[in-house]
């Protein structure tokens, strides 16, 4: 294939498109402001019970007292303020969030409210409800980002959004299960190698990362195929694998650039303390960058679709 999807042009188009569709920022802004000001639904009591059991096991295996104390402090500090509402940030399809995994103890206006959810089946129920809401909002975020990137595309009926939600839900389950099945054996190998030698552990880590990337990159555009091409979850997986294969090097560069940009800017946005007004700047900056990157990915995918359409026209003409 002579034509290639344009990497930097897609990133530039992401900025241009967002400047005309600023309402898309409301999704990540709204989610992070919710995490900042809403009550925290914690599982601190359950975490403490689990920690007590782990401590007993660690003491029986004669682990270092300093290592145990450090692990206890980290574990207790994190789960004291960790909120089940973090499930609003769904993967792989969802609204990006700066604060979803951050155990906020306060906000710029004072301490946060805490509600312990450690008892009964409330944990599972809360996770399911938050995940469902997160995926619904994530579907709308993806759908409208796609629409913004393709303003000339045919207008789709509302039932298309419902179909997209169902297929994105199935896709999320399939991809999470696949990542778990792939990661589990590599995690065991990494643990084994790391116990033998830190150098072997590092090598195993890089091999694992390369394998996961080789799986993630071809499937990265499966949600785009659902939203843009109205495909089912399994059709989208097949399309993503087939369509990306001829452009694997280009797609690898594009996805890697997006990951690097998101990672490095997140380090900056996460700098302010929980009670600092500068955290609002971080929330806005994160919303801006992640939305640009999402829209850019739809522009990149549209380039790929256009190339295949041109090939189809040429083949039909001949």
C-alpha atoms as a PDB file:
ATOM      1  CA  UNK A   1       0.000   0.000   0.000  1.00  0.00           C
ATOM      2  CA  UNK A   2       1.496   3.298  -1.121  1.00  0.00           C
ATOM      3  CA  UNK A   3      -0.700   5.577   0.965  1.00  0.00           C
ATOM      4  CA  UNK A   4      -0.133   5.735   4.697  1.00  0.00           C
ATOM      5  CA  UNK A   5      -2.329   7.190   7.455  1.00  0.00           C
ATOM      6  CA  UNK A   6      -0.954  10.542   8.571  1.00  0.00           C
ATOM      7  CA  UNK A   7       0.309  10.492  12.157  1.00  0.00           C
ATOM      8  CA  UNK A   8       1.147  14.115  12.914  1.00  0.00           C
ATOM      9  CA  UNK A   9      -1.637  15.426  10.705  1.00  0.00           C
ATOM     10  CA  UNK A  10      -4.099  13.375  12.780  1.00  0.00           C
ATOM     11  CA  UNK A  11      -2.729  14.854  16.014  1.00  0.00           C
ATOM     12  CA  UNK A  12      -3.024  18.366  14.566  1.00  0.00           C
ATOM     13  CA  UNK A  13      -6.570  17.654  13.392  1.00  0.00           C
ATOM     14  CA  UNK A  14      -7.386  16.567  16.935  1.00  0.00           C
ATOM     15  CA  UNK A  15      -6.572  20.064  18.220  1.00  0.00           C
ATOM     16  CA  UNK A  16      -8.497  21.762  15.405  1.00  0.00           C
ATOM     17  CA  UNK A  17     -11.570  19.598  15.898  1.00  0.00           C
ATOM     18  CA  UNK A  18     -11.669  20.131  19.656  1.00  0.00           C
ATOM     19  CA  UNK A  19     -11.477  23.908  19.200  1.00  0.00           C
ATOM     20  CA  UNK A  20     -14.841  23.664  17.404  1.00  0.00           C
ATOM     21  CA  UNK A  21     -16.354  21.112  19.804  1.00  0.00           C
ATOM     22  CA  UNK A  22     -15.327  22.267  23.268  1.00  0.00           C
ATOM     23  CA  UNK A  23     -18.375  20.593  24.823  1.00  0.00           C
ATOM     24  CA  UNK A  24     -16.438  17.299  24.632  1.00  0.00           C
ATOM     25  CA  UNK A  25     -14.263  18.568  27.481  1.00  0.00           C
ATOM     26  CA  UNK A  26     -17.285  18.335  29.774  1.00  0.00           C
ATOM     27  CA  UNK A  27     -16.920  14.540  29.954  1.00  0.00           C
ATOM     28  CA  UNK A  28     -13.425  14.312  31.514  1.00  0.00           C
ATOM     29  CA  UNK A  29     -13.895  17.598  33.383  1.00  0.00           C
ATOM     30  CA  UNK A  30     -17.176  16.449  34.903  1.00  0.00           C
ATOM     31  CA  UNK A  31     -15.799  13.046  35.879  1.00  0.00           C
ATOM     32  CA  UNK A  32     -12.726  14.444  37.629  1.00  0.00           C
ATOM     33  CA  UNK A  33     -14.731  17.149  39.404  1.00  0.00           C
ATOM     34  CA  UNK A  34     -17.025  14.389  40.650  1.00  0.00           C
ATOM     35  CA  UNK A  35     -14.037  12.460  42.019  1.00  0.00           C
ATOM     36  CA  UNK A  36     -12.744  15.646  43.640  1.00  0.00           C
ATOM     37  CA  UNK A  37     -15.933  16.731  45.423  1.00  0.00           C
ATOM     38  CA  UNK A  38     -18.161  13.657  45.733  1.00  0.00           C
ATOM     39  CA  UNK A  39     -18.132  11.401  48.825  1.00  0.00           C
ATOM     40  CA  UNK A  40     -15.586   8.578  48.849  1.00  0.00           C
ATOM     41  CA  UNK A  41     -17.128   5.090  48.989  1.00  0.00           C
ATOM     42  CA  UNK A  42     -14.293   3.251  50.713  1.00  0.00           C
ATOM     43  CA  UNK A  43     -13.524  -0.348  51.665  1.00  0.00           C
ATOM     44  CA  UNK A  44     -11.077   0.534  54.438  1.00  0.00           C
ATOM     45  CA  UNK A  45     -12.557  -1.928  56.956  1.00  0.00           C
ATOM     46  CA  UNK A  46     -12.307  -4.831  54.512  1.00  0.00           C
ATOM     47  CA  UNK A  47      -8.808  -3.706  53.530  1.00  0.00           C
ATOM     48  CA  UNK A  48      -7.717  -3.685  57.178  1.00  0.00           C
ATOM     49  CA  UNK A  49      -9.084  -7.199  57.711  1.00  0.00           C
ATOM     50  CA  UNK A  50      -7.229  -8.407  54.618  1.00  0.00           C
ATOM     51  CA  UNK A  51      -4.095  -6.650  55.839  1.00  0.00           C
ATOM     52  CA  UNK A  52      -4.271  -8.398  59.219  1.00  0.00           C
ATOM     53  CA  UNK A  53      -4.411 -11.782  57.489  1.00  0.00           C
ATOM     54  CA  UNK A  54      -1.516 -10.845  55.206  1.00  0.00           C
ATOM     55  CA  UNK A  55       0.538  -9.678  58.201  1.00  0.00           C
ATOM     56  CA  UNK A  56       0.040 -13.008  59.936  1.00  0.00           C
ATOM     57  CA  UNK A  57       1.236 -14.833  56.816  1.00  0.00           C
ATOM     58  CA  UNK A  58       4.233 -12.496  56.413  1.00  0.00           C
ATOM     59  CA  UNK A  59       5.278 -13.023  60.033  1.00  0.00           C
ATOM     60  CA  UNK A  60       5.076 -16.788  59.608  1.00  0.00           C
ATOM     61  CA  UNK A  61       7.403 -16.580  56.590  1.00  0.00           C
ATOM     62  CA  UNK A  62       9.916 -14.424  58.525  1.00  0.00           C
ATOM     63  CA  UNK A  63       9.716 -11.411  56.220  1.00  0.00           C
ATOM     64  CA  UNK A  64      11.763  -8.290  57.047  1.00  0.00           C
ATOM     65  CA  UNK A  65      10.088  -6.137  59.726  1.00  0.00           C
ATOM     66  CA  UNK A  66      11.006  -2.928  57.873  1.00  0.00           C
ATOM     67  CA  UNK A  67       9.567  -4.233  54.629  1.00  0.00           C
ATOM     68  CA  UNK A  68       6.365  -5.264  56.417  1.00  0.00           C
ATOM     69  CA  UNK A  69       5.996  -1.867  58.122  1.00  0.00           C
ATOM     70  CA  UNK A  70       6.516  -0.030  54.843  1.00  0.00           C
ATOM     71  CA  UNK A  71       4.000  -2.219  53.024  1.00  0.00           C
ATOM     72  CA  UNK A  72       1.458  -1.763  55.837  1.00  0.00           C
ATOM     73  CA  UNK A  73       1.813   2.030  55.762  1.00  0.00           C
ATOM     74  CA  UNK A  74       1.408   2.164  51.970  1.00  0.00           C
ATOM     75  CA  UNK A  75      -1.532  -0.250  51.935  1.00  0.00           C
ATOM     76  CA  UNK A  76      -3.377   1.471  54.793  1.00  0.00           C
ATOM     77  CA  UNK A  77      -2.828   4.966  53.404  1.00  0.00           C
ATOM     78  CA  UNK A  78      -4.076   4.041  49.946  1.00  0.00           C
ATOM     79  CA  UNK A  79      -7.205   2.105  50.885  1.00  0.00           C
ATOM     80  CA  UNK A  80      -8.262   4.559  53.582  1.00  0.00           C
ATOM     81  CA  UNK A  81      -9.386   6.961  50.843  1.00  0.00           C
ATOM     82  CA  UNK A  82      -9.660   4.720  47.781  1.00  0.00           C
ATOM     83  CA  UNK A  83     -13.204   4.979  46.415  1.00  0.00           C
ATOM     84  CA  UNK A  84     -15.316   2.350  44.676  1.00  0.00           C
ATOM     85  CA  UNK A  85     -16.554   5.152  42.432  1.00  0.00           C
ATOM     86  CA  UNK A  86     -13.209   4.753  40.627  1.00  0.00           C
ATOM     87  CA  UNK A  87     -15.074   2.111  38.612  1.00  0.00           C
ATOM     88  CA  UNK A  88     -16.647   5.015  36.707  1.00  0.00           C
ATOM     89  CA  UNK A  89     -13.373   5.020  34.764  1.00  0.00           C
ATOM     90  CA  UNK A  90     -13.994   1.952  32.618  1.00  0.00           C
ATOM     91  CA  UNK A  91     -11.435   0.168  30.427  1.00  0.00           C
ATOM     92  CA  UNK A  92     -10.656  -0.103  27.589  1.00  0.00           C
ATOM     93  CA  UNK A  93     -13.557   2.161  26.611  1.00  0.00           C
ATOM     94  CA  UNK A  94     -14.340   5.012  28.966  1.00  0.00           C
ATOM     95  CA  UNK A  95     -13.839   8.618  29.924  1.00  0.00           C
ATOM     96  CA  UNK A  96     -10.194   9.362  30.809  1.00  0.00           C
ATOM     97  CA  UNK A  97      -9.678  10.558  34.360  1.00  0.00           C
ATOM     98  CA  UNK A  98      -6.802  12.129  36.254  1.00  0.00           C
ATOM     99  CA  UNK A  99      -8.197  11.371  39.701  1.00  0.00           C
ATOM    100  CA  UNK A 100      -9.946   7.999  39.367  1.00  0.00           C
ATOM    101  CA  UNK A 101      -7.159   6.032  41.046  1.00  0.00           C
ATOM    102  CA  UNK A 102      -5.979   8.805  43.358  1.00  0.00           C
ATOM    103  CA  UNK A 103      -6.901   8.283  47.047  1.00  0.00           C
ATOM    104  CA  UNK A 104      -8.027  11.849  47.723  1.00  0.00           C
ATOM    105  CA  UNK A 105      -8.150  12.752  51.411  1.00  0.00           C
ATOM    106  CA  UNK A 106      -9.302  16.332  50.836  1.00  0.00           C
ATOM    107  CA  UNK A 107     -10.059  18.885  48.151  1.00  0.00           C
ATOM    108  CA  UNK A 108      -9.302  22.621  47.891  1.00  0.00           C
ATOM    109  CA  UNK A 109     -12.361  23.363  50.051  1.00  0.00           C
ATOM    110  CA  UNK A 110     -11.746  20.891  52.879  1.00  0.00           C
ATOM    111  CA  UNK A 111     -11.831  17.198  53.835  1.00  0.00           C
ATOM    112  CA  UNK A 112     -13.876  14.705  51.807  1.00  0.00           C
ATOM    113  CA  UNK A 113     -16.815  12.690  53.121  1.00  0.00           C
ATOM    114  CA  UNK A 114     -16.184   8.984  53.658  1.00  0.00           C
ATOM    115  CA  UNK A 115     -18.732   6.156  53.511  1.00  0.00           C
ATOM    116  CA  UNK A 116     -17.490   2.653  54.257  1.00  0.00           C
ATOM    117  CA  UNK A 117     -18.980   0.019  51.927  1.00  0.00           C
ATOM    118  CA  UNK A 118     -17.144  -3.026  53.305  1.00  0.00           C
ATOM    119  CA  UNK A 119     -20.211  -4.988  54.410  1.00  0.00           C
ATOM    120  CA  UNK A 120     -22.251  -7.563  52.500  1.00  0.00           C
ATOM    121  CA  UNK A 121     -22.679  -7.462  48.749  1.00  0.00           C
ATOM    122  CA  UNK A 122     -22.563  -3.680  48.572  1.00  0.00           C
ATOM    123  CA  UNK A 123     -19.041  -3.731  47.146  1.00  0.00           C
ATOM    124  CA  UNK A 124     -19.988  -5.803  44.099  1.00  0.00           C
ATOM    125  CA  UNK A 125     -23.235  -3.870  43.595  1.00  0.00           C
ATOM    126  CA  UNK A 126     -21.451  -0.511  43.802  1.00  0.00           C
ATOM    127  CA  UNK A 127     -18.769  -1.601  41.326  1.00  0.00           C
ATOM    128  CA  UNK A 128     -21.395  -2.877  38.870  1.00  0.00           C
ATOM    129  CA  UNK A 129     -23.468   0.323  39.080  1.00  0.00           C
ATOM    130  CA  UNK A 130     -20.469   2.633  38.740  1.00  0.00           C
ATOM    131  CA  UNK A 131     -19.050   0.554  35.867  1.00  0.00           C
ATOM    132  CA  UNK A 132     -22.364   0.587  34.009  1.00  0.00           C
ATOM    133  CA  UNK A 133     -22.713   4.363  34.367  1.00  0.00           C
ATOM    134  CA  UNK A 134     -19.080   4.816  33.329  1.00  0.00           C
ATOM    135  CA  UNK A 135     -19.490   2.706  30.198  1.00  0.00           C
ATOM    136  CA  UNK A 136     -22.686   4.540  29.196  1.00  0.00           C
ATOM    137  CA  UNK A 137     -20.940   7.904  29.540  1.00  0.00           C
ATOM    138  CA  UNK A 138     -17.840   6.500  27.828  1.00  0.00           C
ATOM    139  CA  UNK A 139     -19.948   5.352  24.875  1.00  0.00           C
ATOM    140  CA  UNK A 140     -21.408   8.849  24.485  1.00  0.00           C
ATOM    141  CA  UNK A 141     -17.918  10.360  24.776  1.00  0.00           C
ATOM    142  CA  UNK A 142     -16.551   8.078  22.051  1.00  0.00           C
ATOM    143  CA  UNK A 143     -19.632   8.478  19.862  1.00  0.00           C
ATOM    144  CA  UNK A 144     -19.628  12.277  19.929  1.00  0.00           C
ATOM    145  CA  UNK A 145     -15.840  12.439  19.548  1.00  0.00           C
ATOM    146  CA  UNK A 146     -16.196  10.301  16.428  1.00  0.00           C
ATOM    147  CA  UNK A 147     -18.975  12.544  15.156  1.00  0.00           C
ATOM    148  CA  UNK A 148     -16.827  15.646  15.756  1.00  0.00           C
ATOM    149  CA  UNK A 149     -13.939  14.091  13.814  1.00  0.00           C
ATOM    150  CA  UNK A 150     -16.243  13.248  10.886  1.00  0.00           C
ATOM    151  CA  UNK A 151     -18.721  16.125  10.537  1.00  0.00           C
ATOM    152  CA  UNK A 152     -19.647  15.098   6.979  1.00  0.00           C
ATOM    153  CA  UNK A 153     -20.505  11.516   7.942  1.00  0.00           C
ATOM    154  CA  UNK A 154     -24.081  10.320   7.614  1.00  0.00           C
ATOM    155  CA  UNK A 155     -26.227  11.150  10.637  1.00  0.00           C
ATOM    156  CA  UNK A 156     -26.916   8.041  12.717  1.00  0.00           C
ATOM    157  CA  UNK A 157     -30.167   7.218  14.560  1.00  0.00           C
ATOM    158  CA  UNK A 158     -30.280   6.980  18.351  1.00  0.00           C
ATOM    159  CA  UNK A 159     -30.521   3.185  18.241  1.00  0.00           C
ATOM    160  CA  UNK A 160     -26.978   3.195  16.841  1.00  0.00           C
ATOM    161  CA  UNK A 161     -25.736   4.539  20.186  1.00  0.00           C
ATOM    162  CA  UNK A 162     -27.556   1.733  22.032  1.00  0.00           C
ATOM    163  CA  UNK A 163     -26.039  -0.846  19.682  1.00  0.00           C
ATOM    164  CA  UNK A 164     -22.599   0.730  20.142  1.00  0.00           C
ATOM    165  CA  UNK A 165     -22.983   0.571  23.930  1.00  0.00           C
ATOM    166  CA  UNK A 166     -23.875  -3.133  23.888  1.00  0.00           C
ATOM    167  CA  UNK A 167     -20.993  -3.983  21.571  1.00  0.00           C
ATOM    168  CA  UNK A 168     -18.513  -1.844  23.508  1.00  0.00           C
ATOM    169  CA  UNK A 169     -19.644  -3.657  26.653  1.00  0.00           C
ATOM    170  CA  UNK A 170     -18.972  -7.036  25.020  1.00  0.00           C
ATOM    171  CA  UNK A 171     -15.657  -5.769  23.642  1.00  0.00           C
ATOM    172  CA  UNK A 172     -14.584  -4.581  27.090  1.00  0.00           C
ATOM    173  CA  UNK A 173     -15.317  -7.987  28.634  1.00  0.00           C
ATOM    174  CA  UNK A 174     -13.483  -9.826  25.839  1.00  0.00           C
ATOM    175  CA  UNK A 175     -10.415  -7.576  25.984  1.00  0.00           C
ATOM    176  CA  UNK A 176     -10.184  -7.642  29.794  1.00  0.00           C
ATOM    177  CA  UNK A 177     -10.456 -11.441  29.774  1.00  0.00           C
ATOM    178  CA  UNK A 178      -7.865 -11.705  26.987  1.00  0.00           C
ATOM    179  CA  UNK A 179      -5.420  -9.407  28.804  1.00  0.00           C
ATOM    180  CA  UNK A 180      -5.860 -11.416  32.005  1.00  0.00           C
ATOM    181  CA  UNK A 181      -5.243 -14.745  30.261  1.00  0.00           C
ATOM    182  CA  UNK A 182      -2.172 -13.354  28.485  1.00  0.00           C
ATOM    183  CA  UNK A 183      -0.780 -11.542  31.524  1.00  0.00           C
ATOM    184  CA  UNK A 184      -1.192 -14.383  34.032  1.00  0.00           C
ATOM    185  CA  UNK A 185       1.454 -16.781  32.649  1.00  0.00           C
ATOM    186  CA  UNK A 186       3.867 -13.912  32.008  1.00  0.00           C
ATOM    187  CA  UNK A 187       3.339 -12.630  35.559  1.00  0.00           C
ATOM    188  CA  UNK A 188       4.246 -16.066  36.910  1.00  0.00           C
ATOM    189  CA  UNK A 189       7.335 -16.212  34.677  1.00  0.00           C
ATOM    190  CA  UNK A 190       8.335 -12.683  35.735  1.00  0.00           C
ATOM    191  CA  UNK A 191       7.997 -13.596  39.429  1.00  0.00           C
ATOM    192  CA  UNK A 192      10.074 -16.744  38.934  1.00  0.00           C
ATOM    193  CA  UNK A 193      12.830 -14.982  36.969  1.00  0.00           C
ATOM    194  CA  UNK A 194      12.906 -12.032  39.353  1.00  0.00           C
ATOM    195  CA  UNK A 195      13.375 -14.371  42.317  1.00  0.00           C
ATOM    196  CA  UNK A 196      16.369 -15.917  40.536  1.00  0.00           C
ATOM    197  CA  UNK A 197      17.961 -12.649  39.419  1.00  0.00           C
ATOM    198  CA  UNK A 198      16.857  -8.994  39.097  1.00  0.00           C
ATOM    199  CA  UNK A 199      18.460  -8.930  35.627  1.00  0.00           C
ATOM    200  CA  UNK A 200      16.407 -11.924  34.493  1.00  0.00           C
ATOM    201  CA  UNK A 201      13.343 -10.256  36.012  1.00  0.00           C
ATOM    202  CA  UNK A 202      14.015  -7.105  33.994  1.00  0.00           C
ATOM    203  CA  UNK A 203      14.392  -9.121  30.789  1.00  0.00           C
ATOM    204  CA  UNK A 204      11.133 -10.961  31.523  1.00  0.00           C
ATOM    205  CA  UNK A 205       9.428  -7.614  32.167  1.00  0.00           C
ATOM    206  CA  UNK A 206      10.473  -6.218  28.778  1.00  0.00           C
ATOM    207  CA  UNK A 207       9.466  -9.403  26.973  1.00  0.00           C
ATOM    208  CA  UNK A 208       6.057  -9.242  28.670  1.00  0.00           C
ATOM    209  CA  UNK A 209       5.670  -5.578  27.718  1.00  0.00           C
ATOM    210  CA  UNK A 210       6.530  -6.316  24.072  1.00  0.00           C
ATOM    211  CA  UNK A 211       4.042  -9.192  23.904  1.00  0.00           C
ATOM    212  CA  UNK A 212       1.274  -7.079  25.428  1.00  0.00           C
ATOM    213  CA  UNK A 213       2.019  -4.203  23.028  1.00  0.00           C
ATOM    214  CA  UNK A 214       1.909  -6.560  20.051  1.00  0.00           C
ATOM    215  CA  UNK A 215      -1.599  -7.558  21.174  1.00  0.00           C
ATOM    216  CA  UNK A 216      -2.837  -4.108  22.187  1.00  0.00           C
ATOM    217  CA  UNK A 217      -1.786  -2.145  19.087  1.00  0.00           C
ATOM    218  CA  UNK A 218      -3.765  -4.189  16.502  1.00  0.00           C
ATOM    219  CA  UNK A 219      -6.814  -4.137  18.809  1.00  0.00           C
ATOM    220  CA  UNK A 220      -6.481  -0.460  19.729  1.00  0.00           C
ATOM    221  CA  UNK A 221      -8.911   0.577  17.000  1.00  0.00           C
ATOM    222  CA  UNK A 222     -11.582  -2.060  17.684  1.00  0.00           C
ATOM    223  CA  UNK A 223     -13.760   0.466  19.603  1.00  0.00           C
ATOM    224  CA  UNK A 224     -13.362   2.858  16.665  1.00  0.00           C
ATOM    225  CA  UNK A 225     -14.655   0.194  14.273  1.00  0.00           C
ATOM    226  CA  UNK A 226     -17.740  -0.242  16.467  1.00  0.00           C
ATOM    227  CA  UNK A 227     -18.468   3.479  16.655  1.00  0.00           C
ATOM    228  CA  UNK A 228     -17.477   4.511  13.116  1.00  0.00           C
ATOM    229  CA  UNK A 229     -18.404   1.421  11.071  1.00  0.00           C
ATOM    230  CA  UNK A 230     -21.360   0.249  13.217  1.00  0.00           C
ATOM    231  CA  UNK A 231     -19.817  -3.198  13.591  1.00  0.00           C
ATOM    232  CA  UNK A 232     -20.405  -5.818  16.251  1.00  0.00           C
ATOM    233  CA  UNK A 233     -17.728  -6.452  18.872  1.00  0.00           C
ATOM    234  CA  UNK A 234     -16.279  -9.509  17.132  1.00  0.00           C
ATOM    235  CA  UNK A 235     -16.490  -7.917  13.678  1.00  0.00           C
ATOM    236  CA  UNK A 236     -14.648  -4.902  15.100  1.00  0.00           C
ATOM    237  CA  UNK A 237     -11.885  -7.105  16.530  1.00  0.00           C
ATOM    238  CA  UNK A 238     -11.481  -8.822  13.153  1.00  0.00           C
ATOM    239  CA  UNK A 239     -11.550  -5.505  11.261  1.00  0.00           C
ATOM    240  CA  UNK A 240      -9.030  -3.891  13.586  1.00  0.00           C
ATOM    241  CA  UNK A 241      -6.615  -6.808  13.166  1.00  0.00           C
ATOM    242  CA  UNK A 242      -6.960  -6.879   9.369  1.00  0.00           C
ATOM    243  CA  UNK A 243      -6.986  -3.125   8.754  1.00  0.00           C
ATOM    244  CA  UNK A 244      -4.024  -2.323  10.998  1.00  0.00           C
ATOM    245  CA  UNK A 245      -1.785  -5.158   9.762  1.00  0.00           C
ATOM    246  CA  UNK A 246      -0.517  -3.337   6.608  1.00  0.00           C
ATOM    247  CA  UNK A 247       0.073  -0.169   8.666  1.00  0.00           C
ATOM    248  CA  UNK A 248       1.470  -1.837  11.784  1.00  0.00           C
ATOM    249  CA  UNK A 249       4.633   0.283  11.964  1.00  0.00           C
ATOM    250  CA  UNK A 250       2.675   3.510  11.484  1.00  0.00           C
ATOM    251  CA  UNK A 251       0.007   2.461  13.997  1.00  0.00           C
ATOM    252  CA  UNK A 252       2.717   1.473  16.493  1.00  0.00           C
ATOM    253  CA  UNK A 253       4.287   4.925  16.245  1.00  0.00           C
ATOM    254  CA  UNK A 254       0.897   6.632  16.578  1.00  0.00           C
ATOM    255  CA  UNK A 255      -0.204   4.618  19.621  1.00  0.00           C
ATOM    256  CA  UNK A 256       3.217   4.943  21.251  1.00  0.00           C
ATOM    257  CA  UNK A 257       3.157   8.723  20.744  1.00  0.00           C
ATOM    258  CA  UNK A 258      -0.293   8.939  22.311  1.00  0.00           C
ATOM    259  CA  UNK A 259       0.813   6.847  25.301  1.00  0.00           C
ATOM    260  CA  UNK A 260       3.980   8.910  25.801  1.00  0.00           C
ATOM    261  CA  UNK A 261       2.121  12.230  25.542  1.00  0.00           C
ATOM    262  CA  UNK A 262      -0.582  11.077  27.961  1.00  0.00           C
ATOM    263  CA  UNK A 263       1.933   9.608  30.422  1.00  0.00           C
ATOM    264  CA  UNK A 264       4.304  12.585  30.523  1.00  0.00           C
ATOM    265  CA  UNK A 265       1.541  15.177  30.799  1.00  0.00           C
ATOM    266  CA  UNK A 266      -0.161  13.125  33.529  1.00  0.00           C
ATOM    267  CA  UNK A 267       3.024  13.349  35.582  1.00  0.00           C
ATOM    268  CA  UNK A 268       2.682  17.128  35.375  1.00  0.00           C
ATOM    269  CA  UNK A 269      -1.067  17.233  36.063  1.00  0.00           C
ATOM    270  CA  UNK A 270      -0.693  14.960  39.119  1.00  0.00           C
ATOM    271  CA  UNK A 271       1.877  17.270  40.752  1.00  0.00           C
ATOM    272  CA  UNK A 272      -0.489  19.533  42.800  1.00  0.00           C
ATOM    273  CA  UNK A 273      -1.522  18.391  46.284  1.00  0.00           C
ATOM    274  CA  UNK A 274      -5.098  17.295  46.996  1.00  0.00           C
ATOM    275  CA  UNK A 275      -5.969  20.653  48.598  1.00  0.00           C
ATOM    276  CA  UNK A 276      -4.171  22.846  46.056  1.00  0.00           C
ATOM    277  CA  UNK A 277      -6.183  25.120  43.717  1.00  0.00           C
ATOM    278  CA  UNK A 278      -3.626  24.185  41.041  1.00  0.00           C
ATOM    279  CA  UNK A 279      -5.332  20.803  40.901  1.00  0.00           C
ATOM    280  CA  UNK A 280      -8.059  22.500  38.830  1.00  0.00           C
ATOM    281  CA  UNK A 281      -5.376  23.423  36.290  1.00  0.00           C
ATOM    282  CA  UNK A 282      -4.274  19.796  36.216  1.00  0.00           C
ATOM    283  CA  UNK A 283      -7.846  18.593  35.702  1.00  0.00           C
ATOM    284  CA  UNK A 284      -8.372  20.994  32.802  1.00  0.00           C
ATOM    285  CA  UNK A 285      -4.995  20.197  31.226  1.00  0.00           C
ATOM    286  CA  UNK A 286      -5.656  16.471  31.468  1.00  0.00           C
ATOM    287  CA  UNK A 287      -9.122  16.854  29.936  1.00  0.00           C
ATOM    288  CA  UNK A 288      -7.694  18.922  27.076  1.00  0.00           C
ATOM    289  CA  UNK A 289      -4.846  16.540  26.220  1.00  0.00           C
ATOM    290  CA  UNK A 290      -6.798  13.285  26.506  1.00  0.00           C
ATOM    291  CA  UNK A 291      -9.723  14.582  24.453  1.00  0.00           C
ATOM    292  CA  UNK A 292      -7.367  15.807  21.731  1.00  0.00           C
ATOM    293  CA  UNK A 293      -5.706  12.388  21.669  1.00  0.00           C
ATOM    294  CA  UNK A 294      -9.037  10.572  21.416  1.00  0.00           C
ATOM    295  CA  UNK A 295     -10.250  12.776  18.566  1.00  0.00           C
ATOM    296  CA  UNK A 296      -6.858  12.381  16.865  1.00  0.00           C
ATOM    297  CA  UNK A 297      -7.267   8.597  17.023  1.00  0.00           C
ATOM    298  CA  UNK A 298     -10.594   8.900  15.199  1.00  0.00           C
ATOM    299  CA  UNK A 299      -8.928  11.059  12.535  1.00  0.00           C
ATOM    300  CA  UNK A 300      -6.175   8.449  12.181  1.00  0.00           C
ATOM    301  CA  UNK A 301      -8.733   5.642  11.901  1.00  0.00           C
ATOM    302  CA  UNK A 302     -10.696   7.673   9.338  1.00  0.00           C
ATOM    303  CA  UNK A 303      -7.490   7.942   7.269  1.00  0.00           C
ATOM    304  CA  UNK A 304      -7.178   4.160   7.285  1.00  0.00           C
ATOM    305  CA  UNK A 305     -10.823   3.705   6.278  1.00  0.00           C
ATOM    306  CA  UNK A 306     -10.380   6.243   3.464  1.00  0.00           C
ATOM    307  CA  UNK A 307      -7.327   4.378   2.126  1.00  0.00           C
ATOM    308  CA  UNK A 308      -9.290   1.117   2.004  1.00  0.00           C
ATOM    309  CA  UNK A 309     -12.228   2.860   0.322  1.00  0.00           C
ATOM    310  CA  UNK A 310      -9.893   4.227  -2.370  1.00  0.00           C
ATOM    311  CA  UNK A 311      -8.434   0.751  -2.917  1.00  0.00           C
ATOM    312  CA  UNK A 312     -11.950  -0.685  -3.209  1.00  0.00           C
ATOM    313  CA  UNK A 313     -12.911   1.944  -5.811  1.00  0.00           C
ATOM    314  CA  UNK A 314      -9.774   1.224  -7.869  1.00  0.00           C
ATOM    315  CA  UNK A 315     -10.341  -2.538  -7.718  1.00  0.00           C
ATOM    316  CA  UNK A 316     -13.980  -2.099  -8.714  1.00  0.00           C
ATOM    317  CA  UNK A 317     -12.999   0.122 -11.646  1.00  0.00           C
ATOM    318  CA  UNK A 318     -10.509  -2.438 -12.936  1.00  0.00           C
END
